[in-house]
Amino acid sequence: MRISKKYGVNPSILVCPICKDTAIALLGANGGKEAPRQMYGELCDECKKEYITILEIKDNKPTGNRGFIKREYINVKVKDFAYMESSEFNNLFKNSC
């Protein structure tokens, strides 16, 4: 890790999007920017047992949008995440915010 001259180890609090459990991320140099105080991270280990992450893709490229769905509603084996075409992603998640 490269340490930031201005911000040192540049810590940020990672928050699980489901249960709000927290962890610490050390971002170091981070392109010369100060780390945000908090940011959503990955699912925590407990939530990974119950949920999967759905990543939106458009034109075969990730958009950066993600949603979460309980494993019990998926009838295929998925380890941690799956990709979903933008139109289907929007139909599934557009009213969930």
PDB file of N, CA and C in Angstrom:
ATOM      1  N   MET A   1       0.844  -1.167   0.000  1.00  0.00           N
ATOM      2  CA  MET A   1       0.000   0.000   0.000  1.00  0.00           C
ATOM      3  C   MET A   1       0.891   1.232   0.000  1.00  0.00           C
ATOM      4  N   ARG A   2       0.535   2.184  -0.826  1.00  0.00           N
ATOM      5  CA  ARG A   2       1.224   3.475  -0.810  1.00  0.00           C
ATOM      6  C   ARG A   2       0.504   4.394   0.170  1.00  0.00           C
ATOM      7  N   ILE A   3       1.225   4.938   1.116  1.00  0.00           N
ATOM      8  CA  ILE A   3       0.664   5.814   2.136  1.00  0.00           C
ATOM      9  C   ILE A   3       0.539   7.231   1.565  1.00  0.00           C
ATOM     10  N   SER A   4      -0.595   7.863   1.816  1.00  0.00           N
ATOM     11  CA  SER A   4      -0.812   9.238   1.382  1.00  0.00           C
ATOM     12  C   SER A   4       0.044  10.181   2.219  1.00  0.00           C
ATOM     13  N   LYS A   5       0.729  11.116   1.565  1.00  0.00           N
ATOM     14  CA  LYS A   5       1.534  12.090   2.299  1.00  0.00           C
ATOM     15  C   LYS A   5       0.642  13.003   3.125  1.00  0.00           C
ATOM     16  N   LYS A   6      -0.553  13.285   2.622  1.00  0.00           N
ATOM     17  CA  LYS A   6      -1.451  14.203   3.311  1.00  0.00           C
ATOM     18  C   LYS A   6      -2.379  13.498   4.303  1.00  0.00           C
ATOM     19  N   TYR A   7      -2.885  12.276   3.947  1.00  0.00           N
ATOM     20  CA  TYR A   7      -3.910  11.614   4.756  1.00  0.00           C
ATOM     21  C   TYR A   7      -3.431  10.336   5.452  1.00  0.00           C
ATOM     22  N   GLY A   8      -2.180   9.975   5.304  1.00  0.00           N
ATOM     23  CA  GLY A   8      -1.653   8.773   5.956  1.00  0.00           C
ATOM     24  C   GLY A   8      -2.270   7.507   5.386  1.00  0.00           C
ATOM     25  N   VAL A   9      -2.747   6.595   6.258  1.00  0.00           N
ATOM     26  CA  VAL A   9      -3.347   5.347   5.785  1.00  0.00           C
ATOM     27  C   VAL A   9      -4.743   5.575   5.200  1.00  0.00           C
ATOM     28  N   ASN A  10      -5.335   6.759   5.427  1.00  0.00           N
ATOM     29  CA  ASN A  10      -6.574   7.195   4.782  1.00  0.00           C
ATOM     30  C   ASN A  10      -7.724   6.208   5.013  1.00  0.00           C
ATOM     31  N   PRO A  11      -8.171   6.055   6.267  1.00  0.00           N
ATOM     32  CA  PRO A  11      -9.202   5.054   6.565  1.00  0.00           C
ATOM     33  C   PRO A  11     -10.610   5.496   6.164  1.00  0.00           C
ATOM     34  N   SER A  12     -11.445   4.513   5.902  1.00  0.00           N
ATOM     35  CA  SER A  12     -12.866   4.730   5.637  1.00  0.00           C
ATOM     36  C   SER A  12     -13.637   3.588   6.294  1.00  0.00           C
ATOM     37  N   ILE A  13     -14.846   3.872   6.756  1.00  0.00           N
ATOM     38  CA  ILE A  13     -15.689   2.845   7.362  1.00  0.00           C
ATOM     39  C   ILE A  13     -16.519   2.203   6.256  1.00  0.00           C
ATOM     40  N   LEU A  14     -16.363   0.897   6.080  1.00  0.00           N
ATOM     41  CA  LEU A  14     -17.168   0.143   5.112  1.00  0.00           C
ATOM     42  C   LEU A  14     -18.432  -0.326   5.804  1.00  0.00           C
ATOM     43  N   VAL A  15     -19.564  -0.162   5.153  1.00  0.00           N
ATOM     44  CA  VAL A  15     -20.848  -0.531   5.724  1.00  0.00           C
ATOM     45  C   VAL A  15     -21.480  -1.604   4.843  1.00  0.00           C
ATOM     46  N   CYS A  16     -21.902  -2.718   5.447  1.00  0.00           N
ATOM     47  CA  CYS A  16     -22.620  -3.757   4.714  1.00  0.00           C
ATOM     48  C   CYS A  16     -23.968  -3.166   4.279  1.00  0.00           C
ATOM     49  N   PRO A  17     -24.320  -3.253   2.994  1.00  0.00           N
ATOM     50  CA  PRO A  17     -25.572  -2.660   2.519  1.00  0.00           C
ATOM     51  C   PRO A  17     -26.834  -3.306   3.092  1.00  0.00           C
ATOM     52  N   ILE A  18     -26.744  -4.511   3.622  1.00  0.00           N
ATOM     53  CA  ILE A  18     -27.914  -5.204   4.150  1.00  0.00           C
ATOM     54  C   ILE A  18     -28.074  -4.973   5.648  1.00  0.00           C
ATOM     55  N   CYS A  19     -27.090  -5.365   6.441  1.00  0.00           N
ATOM     56  CA  CYS A  19     -27.243  -5.342   7.905  1.00  0.00           C
ATOM     57  C   CYS A  19     -26.589  -4.136   8.560  1.00  0.00           C
ATOM     58  N   LYS A  20     -25.873  -3.353   7.790  1.00  0.00           N
ATOM     59  CA  LYS A  20     -25.182  -2.147   8.280  1.00  0.00           C
ATOM     60  C   LYS A  20     -24.013  -2.455   9.207  1.00  0.00           C
ATOM     61  N   ASP A  21     -23.548  -3.732   9.232  1.00  0.00           N
ATOM     62  CA  ASP A  21     -22.336  -4.080   9.967  1.00  0.00           C
ATOM     63  C   ASP A  21     -21.177  -3.298   9.361  1.00  0.00           C
ATOM     64  N   THR A  22     -20.145  -3.034  10.136  1.00  0.00           N
ATOM     65  CA  THR A  22     -19.066  -2.192   9.643  1.00  0.00           C
ATOM     66  C   THR A  22     -17.711  -2.879   9.697  1.00  0.00           C
ATOM     67  N   ALA A  23     -16.808  -2.382   8.868  1.00  0.00           N
ATOM     68  CA  ALA A  23     -15.408  -2.788   8.839  1.00  0.00           C
ATOM     69  C   ALA A  23     -14.611  -1.543   8.475  1.00  0.00           C
ATOM     70  N   ILE A  24     -13.312  -1.640   8.520  1.00  0.00           N
ATOM     71  CA  ILE A  24     -12.449  -0.511   8.196  1.00  0.00           C
ATOM     72  C   ILE A  24     -11.661  -0.840   6.927  1.00  0.00           C
ATOM     73  N   ALA A  25     -11.605   0.132   6.013  1.00  0.00           N
ATOM     74  CA  ALA A  25     -10.773   0.018   4.814  1.00  0.00           C
ATOM     75  C   ALA A  25      -9.668   1.061   4.923  1.00  0.00           C
ATOM     76  N   LEU A  26      -8.449   0.662   4.600  1.00  0.00           N
ATOM     77  CA  LEU A  26      -7.320   1.586   4.572  1.00  0.00           C
ATOM     78  C   LEU A  26      -7.000   1.842   3.111  1.00  0.00           C
ATOM     79  N   LEU A  27      -7.299   3.054   2.631  1.00  0.00           N
ATOM     80  CA  LEU A  27      -7.208   3.354   1.212  1.00  0.00           C
ATOM     81  C   LEU A  27      -5.866   3.936   0.786  1.00  0.00           C
ATOM     82  N   GLY A  28      -5.032   4.317   1.726  1.00  0.00           N
ATOM     83  CA  GLY A  28      -3.705   4.811   1.376  1.00  0.00           C
ATOM     84  C   GLY A  28      -3.762   6.040   0.488  1.00  0.00           C
ATOM     85  N   ALA A  29      -2.942   6.064  -0.563  1.00  0.00           N
ATOM     86  CA  ALA A  29      -2.805   7.239  -1.412  1.00  0.00           C
ATOM     87  C   ALA A  29      -4.124   7.621  -2.094  1.00  0.00           C
ATOM     88  N   ASN A  30      -4.925   6.668  -2.545  1.00  0.00           N
ATOM     89  CA  ASN A  30      -6.266   6.910  -3.086  1.00  0.00           C
ATOM     90  C   ASN A  30      -6.291   8.031  -4.123  1.00  0.00           C
ATOM     91  N   GLY A  31      -5.283   8.093  -4.961  1.00  0.00           N
ATOM     92  CA  GLY A  31      -5.240   9.122  -5.993  1.00  0.00           C
ATOM     93  C   GLY A  31      -5.117  10.531  -5.454  1.00  0.00           C
ATOM     94  N   GLY A  32      -4.606  10.689  -4.242  1.00  0.00           N
ATOM     95  CA  GLY A  32      -4.443  12.005  -3.648  1.00  0.00           C
ATOM     96  C   GLY A  32      -5.714  12.568  -3.027  1.00  0.00           C
ATOM     97  N   LYS A  33      -6.786  11.775  -2.995  1.00  0.00           N
ATOM     98  CA  LYS A  33      -8.059  12.230  -2.443  1.00  0.00           C
ATOM     99  C   LYS A  33      -8.235  11.702  -1.025  1.00  0.00           C
ATOM    100  N   GLU A  34      -8.954  12.476  -0.212  1.00  0.00           N
ATOM    101  CA  GLU A  34      -9.293  12.020   1.129  1.00  0.00           C
ATOM    102  C   GLU A  34     -10.375  10.951   1.027  1.00  0.00           C
ATOM    103  N   ALA A  35     -10.239   9.903   1.809  1.00  0.00           N
ATOM    104  CA  ALA A  35     -11.231   8.827   1.817  1.00  0.00           C
ATOM    105  C   ALA A  35     -12.545   9.342   2.391  1.00  0.00           C
ATOM    106  N   PRO A  36     -13.691   8.863   1.873  1.00  0.00           N
ATOM    107  CA  PRO A  36     -14.960   9.244   2.486  1.00  0.00           C
ATOM    108  C   PRO A  36     -15.048   8.666   3.892  1.00  0.00           C
ATOM    109  N   ARG A  37     -15.799   9.330   4.753  1.00  0.00           N
ATOM    110  CA  ARG A  37     -15.941   8.856   6.137  1.00  0.00           C
ATOM    111  C   ARG A  37     -16.557   7.465   6.166  1.00  0.00           C
ATOM    112  N   GLN A  38     -17.604   7.255   5.375  1.00  0.00           N
ATOM    113  CA  GLN A  38     -18.269   5.955   5.257  1.00  0.00           C
ATOM    114  C   GLN A  38     -18.555   5.667   3.793  1.00  0.00           C
ATOM    115  N   MET A  39     -18.586   4.388   3.450  1.00  0.00           N
ATOM    116  CA  MET A  39     -19.010   3.984   2.113  1.00  0.00           C
ATOM    117  C   MET A  39     -19.527   2.554   2.170  1.00  0.00           C
ATOM    118  N   TYR A  40     -20.462   2.254   1.275  1.00  0.00           N
ATOM    119  CA  TYR A  40     -20.971   0.895   1.216  1.00  0.00           C
ATOM    120  C   TYR A  40     -19.905  -0.010   0.655  1.00  0.00           C
ATOM    121  N   GLY A  41     -19.686  -1.127   1.324  1.00  0.00           N
ATOM    122  CA  GLY A  41     -18.720  -2.110   0.870  1.00  0.00           C
ATOM    123  C   GLY A  41     -19.446  -3.320   0.313  1.00  0.00           C
ATOM    124  N   GLU A  42     -18.787  -4.437   0.375  1.00  0.00           N
ATOM    125  CA  GLU A  42     -19.374  -5.711  -0.018  1.00  0.00           C
ATOM    126  C   GLU A  42     -20.295  -6.190   1.095  1.00  0.00           C
ATOM    127  N   LEU A  43     -21.033  -7.239   0.810  1.00  0.00           N
ATOM    128  CA  LEU A  43     -21.832  -7.864   1.859  1.00  0.00           C
ATOM    129  C   LEU A  43     -20.896  -8.465   2.900  1.00  0.00           C
ATOM    130  N   CYS A  44     -21.288  -8.395   4.165  1.00  0.00           N
ATOM    131  CA  CYS A  44     -20.497  -9.035   5.218  1.00  0.00           C
ATOM    132  C   CYS A  44     -20.636 -10.557   5.083  1.00  0.00           C
ATOM    133  N   ASP A  45     -19.814 -11.298   5.790  1.00  0.00           N
ATOM    134  CA  ASP A  45     -19.820 -12.761   5.677  1.00  0.00           C
ATOM    135  C   ASP A  45     -21.176 -13.370   6.023  1.00  0.00           C
ATOM    136  N   GLU A  46     -21.848 -12.828   7.031  1.00  0.00           N
ATOM    137  CA  GLU A  46     -23.165 -13.360   7.422  1.00  0.00           C
ATOM    138  C   GLU A  46     -24.205 -13.113   6.332  1.00  0.00           C
ATOM    139  N   CYS A  47     -24.194 -11.926   5.747  1.00  0.00           N
ATOM    140  CA  CYS A  47     -25.180 -11.604   4.698  1.00  0.00           C
ATOM    141  C   CYS A  47     -24.900 -12.371   3.411  1.00  0.00           C
ATOM    142  N   LYS A  48     -23.615 -12.690   3.143  1.00  0.00           N
ATOM    143  CA  LYS A  48     -23.282 -13.490   1.955  1.00  0.00           C
ATOM    144  C   LYS A  48     -23.909 -14.871   2.014  1.00  0.00           C
ATOM    145  N   LYS A  49     -24.162 -15.372   3.214  1.00  0.00           N
ATOM    146  CA  LYS A  49     -24.799 -16.685   3.358  1.00  0.00           C
ATOM    147  C   LYS A  49     -26.255 -16.639   2.917  1.00  0.00           C
ATOM    148  N   GLU A  50     -26.884 -15.473   3.043  1.00  0.00           N
ATOM    149  CA  GLU A  50     -28.320 -15.346   2.790  1.00  0.00           C
ATOM    150  C   GLU A  50     -28.666 -14.605   1.493  1.00  0.00           C
ATOM    151  N   TYR A  51     -27.750 -13.755   1.001  1.00  0.00           N
ATOM    152  CA  TYR A  51     -28.017 -12.916  -0.174  1.00  0.00           C
ATOM    153  C   TYR A  51     -26.943 -13.100  -1.227  1.00  0.00           C
ATOM    154  N   ILE A  52     -27.292 -12.774  -2.483  1.00  0.00           N
ATOM    155  CA  ILE A  52     -26.300 -12.657  -3.539  1.00  0.00           C
ATOM    156  C   ILE A  52     -26.365 -11.235  -4.087  1.00  0.00           C
ATOM    157  N   THR A  53     -25.269 -10.804  -4.672  1.00  0.00           N
ATOM    158  CA  THR A  53     -25.190  -9.487  -5.294  1.00  0.00           C
ATOM    159  C   THR A  53     -25.507  -9.636  -6.776  1.00  0.00           C
ATOM    160  N   ILE A  54     -26.394  -8.781  -7.273  1.00  0.00           N
ATOM    161  CA  ILE A  54     -26.731  -8.743  -8.693  1.00  0.00           C
ATOM    162  C   ILE A  54     -26.086  -7.488  -9.276  1.00  0.00           C
ATOM    163  N   LEU A  55     -25.227  -7.666 -10.277  1.00  0.00           N
ATOM    164  CA  LEU A  55     -24.541  -6.550 -10.922  1.00  0.00           C
ATOM    165  C   LEU A  55     -25.211  -6.252 -12.258  1.00  0.00           C
ATOM    166  N   GLU A  56     -25.581  -4.996 -12.472  1.00  0.00           N
ATOM    167  CA  GLU A  56     -26.235  -4.601 -13.723  1.00  0.00           C
ATOM    168  C   GLU A  56     -25.199  -4.468 -14.836  1.00  0.00           C
ATOM    169  N   ILE A  57     -25.541  -4.988 -16.021  1.00  0.00           N
ATOM    170  CA  ILE A  57     -24.700  -4.789 -17.197  1.00  0.00           C
ATOM    171  C   ILE A  57     -25.548  -4.194 -18.318  1.00  0.00           C
ATOM    172  N   LYS A  58     -24.919  -3.350 -19.105  1.00  0.00           N
ATOM    173  CA  LYS A  58     -25.562  -2.758 -20.280  1.00  0.00           C
ATOM    174  C   LYS A  58     -24.555  -2.813 -21.409  1.00  0.00           C
ATOM    175  N   ASP A  59     -24.959  -3.363 -22.543  1.00  0.00           N
ATOM    176  CA  ASP A  59     -24.051  -3.546 -23.683  1.00  0.00           C
ATOM    177  C   ASP A  59     -22.807  -4.326 -23.272  1.00  0.00           C
ATOM    178  N   ASN A  60     -23.020  -5.373 -22.463  1.00  0.00           N
ATOM    179  CA  ASN A  60     -21.960  -6.267 -21.977  1.00  0.00           C
ATOM    180  C   ASN A  60     -20.911  -5.577 -21.110  1.00  0.00           C
ATOM    181  N   LYS A  61     -21.255  -4.419 -20.523  1.00  0.00           N
ATOM    182  CA  LYS A  61     -20.326  -3.717 -19.638  1.00  0.00           C
ATOM    183  C   LYS A  61     -21.033  -3.431 -18.312  1.00  0.00           C
ATOM    184  N   PRO A  62     -20.323  -3.587 -17.190  1.00  0.00           N
ATOM    185  CA  PRO A  62     -20.931  -3.265 -15.890  1.00  0.00           C
ATOM    186  C   PRO A  62     -21.252  -1.772 -15.793  1.00  0.00           C
ATOM    187  N   THR A  63     -22.390  -1.448 -15.197  1.00  0.00           N
ATOM    188  CA  THR A  63     -22.796  -0.051 -15.036  1.00  0.00           C
ATOM    189  C   THR A  63     -22.374   0.515 -13.681  1.00  0.00           C
ATOM    190  N   GLY A  64     -22.046  -0.352 -12.735  1.00  0.00           N
ATOM    191  CA  GLY A  64     -21.727   0.088 -11.384  1.00  0.00           C
ATOM    192  C   GLY A  64     -22.917  -0.046 -10.442  1.00  0.00           C
ATOM    193  N   ASN A  65     -24.102  -0.278 -10.987  1.00  0.00           N
ATOM    194  CA  ASN A  65     -25.288  -0.472 -10.151  1.00  0.00           C
ATOM    195  C   ASN A  65     -25.333  -1.909  -9.655  1.00  0.00           C
ATOM    196  N   ARG A  66     -25.823  -2.078  -8.443  1.00  0.00           N
ATOM    197  CA  ARG A  66     -25.940  -3.419  -7.894  1.00  0.00           C
ATOM    198  C   ARG A  66     -27.190  -3.505  -7.029  1.00  0.00           C
ATOM    199  N   GLY A  67     -27.683  -4.700  -6.910  1.00  0.00           N
ATOM    200  CA  GLY A  67     -28.822  -4.978  -6.054  1.00  0.00           C
ATOM    201  C   GLY A  67     -28.545  -6.269  -5.313  1.00  0.00           C
ATOM    202  N   PHE A  68     -29.405  -6.585  -4.373  1.00  0.00           N
ATOM    203  CA  PHE A  68     -29.199  -7.779  -3.552  1.00  0.00           C
ATOM    204  C   PHE A  68     -30.503  -8.544  -3.491  1.00  0.00           C
ATOM    205  N   ILE A  69     -30.397  -9.865  -3.545  1.00  0.00           N
ATOM    206  CA  ILE A  69     -31.589 -10.705  -3.514  1.00  0.00           C
ATOM    207  C   ILE A  69     -31.299 -11.931  -2.658  1.00  0.00           C
ATOM    208  N   LYS A  70     -32.303 -12.385  -1.932  1.00  0.00           N
ATOM    209  CA  LYS A  70     -32.122 -13.568  -1.087  1.00  0.00           C
ATOM    210  C   LYS A  70     -31.887 -14.805  -1.953  1.00  0.00           C
ATOM    211  N   ARG A  71     -30.992 -15.645  -1.481  1.00  0.00           N
ATOM    212  CA  ARG A  71     -30.654 -16.873  -2.207  1.00  0.00           C
ATOM    213  C   ARG A  71     -31.874 -17.779  -2.404  1.00  0.00           C
ATOM    214  N   GLU A  72     -32.796 -17.761  -1.467  1.00  0.00           N
ATOM    215  CA  GLU A  72     -33.965 -18.637  -1.559  1.00  0.00           C
ATOM    216  C   GLU A  72     -34.839 -18.328  -2.775  1.00  0.00           C
ATOM    217  N   TYR A  73     -34.709 -17.128  -3.360  1.00  0.00           N
ATOM    218  CA  TYR A  73     -35.509 -16.751  -4.523  1.00  0.00           C
ATOM    219  C   TYR A  73     -34.825 -17.067  -5.847  1.00  0.00           C
ATOM    220  N   ILE A  74     -33.598 -17.568  -5.787  1.00  0.00           N
ATOM    221  CA  ILE A  74     -32.837 -17.902  -6.983  1.00  0.00           C
ATOM    222  C   ILE A  74     -32.851 -19.422  -7.135  1.00  0.00           C
ATOM    223  N   ASN A  75     -33.248 -19.907  -8.313  1.00  0.00           N
ATOM    224  CA  ASN A  75     -33.330 -21.359  -8.491  1.00  0.00           C
ATOM    225  C   ASN A  75     -32.135 -21.936  -9.244  1.00  0.00           C
ATOM    226  N   VAL A  76     -31.024 -21.198  -9.277  1.00  0.00           N
ATOM    227  CA  VAL A  76     -29.775 -21.704  -9.846  1.00  0.00           C
ATOM    228  C   VAL A  76     -28.671 -21.509  -8.818  1.00  0.00           C
ATOM    229  N   LYS A  77     -27.623 -22.307  -8.907  1.00  0.00           N
ATOM    230  CA  LYS A  77     -26.491 -22.181  -7.991  1.00  0.00           C
ATOM    231  C   LYS A  77     -25.671 -20.949  -8.360  1.00  0.00           C
ATOM    232  N   VAL A  78     -25.513 -20.036  -7.410  1.00  0.00           N
ATOM    233  CA  VAL A  78     -24.710 -18.829  -7.586  1.00  0.00           C
ATOM    234  C   VAL A  78     -23.827 -18.693  -6.360  1.00  0.00           C
ATOM    235  N   LYS A  79     -22.550 -18.456  -6.575  1.00  0.00           N
ATOM    236  CA  LYS A  79     -21.649 -18.354  -5.423  1.00  0.00           C
ATOM    237  C   LYS A  79     -21.840 -17.034  -4.678  1.00  0.00           C
ATOM    238  N   ASP A  80     -21.382 -15.913  -5.226  1.00  0.00           N
ATOM    239  CA  ASP A  80     -21.479 -14.628  -4.527  1.00  0.00           C
ATOM    240  C   ASP A  80     -22.208 -13.548  -5.315  1.00  0.00           C
ATOM    241  N   PHE A  81     -22.121 -13.603  -6.655  1.00  0.00           N
ATOM    242  CA  PHE A  81     -22.744 -12.564  -7.456  1.00  0.00           C
ATOM    243  C   PHE A  81     -23.166 -13.109  -8.813  1.00  0.00           C
ATOM    244  N   ALA A  82     -24.045 -12.350  -9.475  1.00  0.00           N
ATOM    245  CA  ALA A  82     -24.492 -12.695 -10.817  1.00  0.00           C
ATOM    246  C   ALA A  82     -24.677 -11.405 -11.603  1.00  0.00           C
ATOM    247  N   TYR A  83     -24.603 -11.515 -12.917  1.00  0.00           N
ATOM    248  CA  TYR A  83     -24.837 -10.366 -13.790  1.00  0.00           C
ATOM    249  C   TYR A  83     -26.266 -10.398 -14.304  1.00  0.00           C
ATOM    250  N   MET A  84     -26.837  -9.206 -14.516  1.00  0.00           N
ATOM    251  CA  MET A  84     -28.199  -9.124 -15.037  1.00  0.00           C
ATOM    252  C   MET A  84     -28.255  -7.968 -16.039  1.00  0.00           C
ATOM    253  N   GLU A  85     -28.865  -8.232 -17.196  1.00  0.00           N
ATOM    254  CA  GLU A  85     -29.032  -7.206 -18.223  1.00  0.00           C
ATOM    255  C   GLU A  85     -29.825  -6.028 -17.664  1.00  0.00           C
ATOM    256  N   SER A  86     -29.500  -4.842 -18.116  1.00  0.00           N
ATOM    257  CA  SER A  86     -30.044  -3.592 -17.586  1.00  0.00           C
ATOM    258  C   SER A  86     -31.572  -3.563 -17.539  1.00  0.00           C
ATOM    259  N   SER A  87     -32.241  -3.997 -18.597  1.00  0.00           N
ATOM    260  CA  SER A  87     -33.710  -3.941 -18.622  1.00  0.00           C
ATOM    261  C   SER A  87     -34.312  -4.837 -17.537  1.00  0.00           C
ATOM    262  N   GLU A  88     -33.762  -6.026 -17.356  1.00  0.00           N
ATOM    263  CA  GLU A  88     -34.245  -6.935 -16.312  1.00  0.00           C
ATOM    264  C   GLU A  88     -33.898  -6.403 -14.926  1.00  0.00           C
ATOM    265  N   PHE A  89     -32.699  -5.851 -14.789  1.00  0.00           N
ATOM    266  CA  PHE A  89     -32.260  -5.273 -13.515  1.00  0.00           C
ATOM    267  C   PHE A  89     -33.228  -4.169 -13.087  1.00  0.00           C
ATOM    268  N   ASN A  90     -33.549  -3.276 -14.018  1.00  0.00           N
ATOM    269  CA  ASN A  90     -34.458  -2.167 -13.702  1.00  0.00           C
ATOM    270  C   ASN A  90     -35.852  -2.658 -13.354  1.00  0.00           C
ATOM    271  N   ASN A  91     -36.342  -3.693 -14.043  1.00  0.00           N
ATOM    272  CA  ASN A  91     -37.654  -4.254 -13.706  1.00  0.00           C
ATOM    273  C   ASN A  91     -37.667  -4.837 -12.286  1.00  0.00           C
ATOM    274  N   LEU A  92     -36.568  -5.455 -11.899  1.00  0.00           N
ATOM    275  CA  LEU A  92     -36.494  -6.098 -10.589  1.00  0.00           C
ATOM    276  C   LEU A  92     -36.269  -5.102  -9.451  1.00  0.00           C
ATOM    277  N   PHE A  93     -35.401  -4.103  -9.684  1.00  0.00           N
ATOM    278  CA  PHE A  93     -34.971  -3.248  -8.584  1.00  0.00           C
ATOM    279  C   PHE A  93     -35.499  -1.807  -8.632  1.00  0.00           C
ATOM    280  N   LYS A  94     -36.196  -1.408  -9.653  1.00  0.00           N
ATOM    281  CA  LYS A  94     -36.572   0.015  -9.779  1.00  0.00           C
ATOM    282  C   LYS A  94     -37.457   0.513  -8.664  1.00  0.00           C
ATOM    283  N   ASN A  95     -38.274  -0.332  -8.047  1.00  0.00           N
ATOM    284  CA  ASN A  95     -39.155   0.093  -6.979  1.00  0.00           C
ATOM    285  C   ASN A  95     -38.643  -0.285  -5.590  1.00  0.00           C
ATOM    286  N   SER A  96     -37.409  -0.762  -5.505  1.00  0.00           N
ATOM    287  CA  SER A  96     -36.913  -1.252  -4.217  1.00  0.00           C
ATOM    288  C   SER A  96     -36.148  -0.203  -3.419  1.00  0.00           C
ATOM    289  N   CYS A  97     -35.932   0.964  -3.966  1.00  0.00           N
ATOM    290  CA  CYS A  97     -35.143   1.992  -3.257  1.00  0.00           C
ATOM    291  C   CYS A  97     -35.989   2.801  -2.321  1.00  0.00           C
TER     292      CYS A  97
END
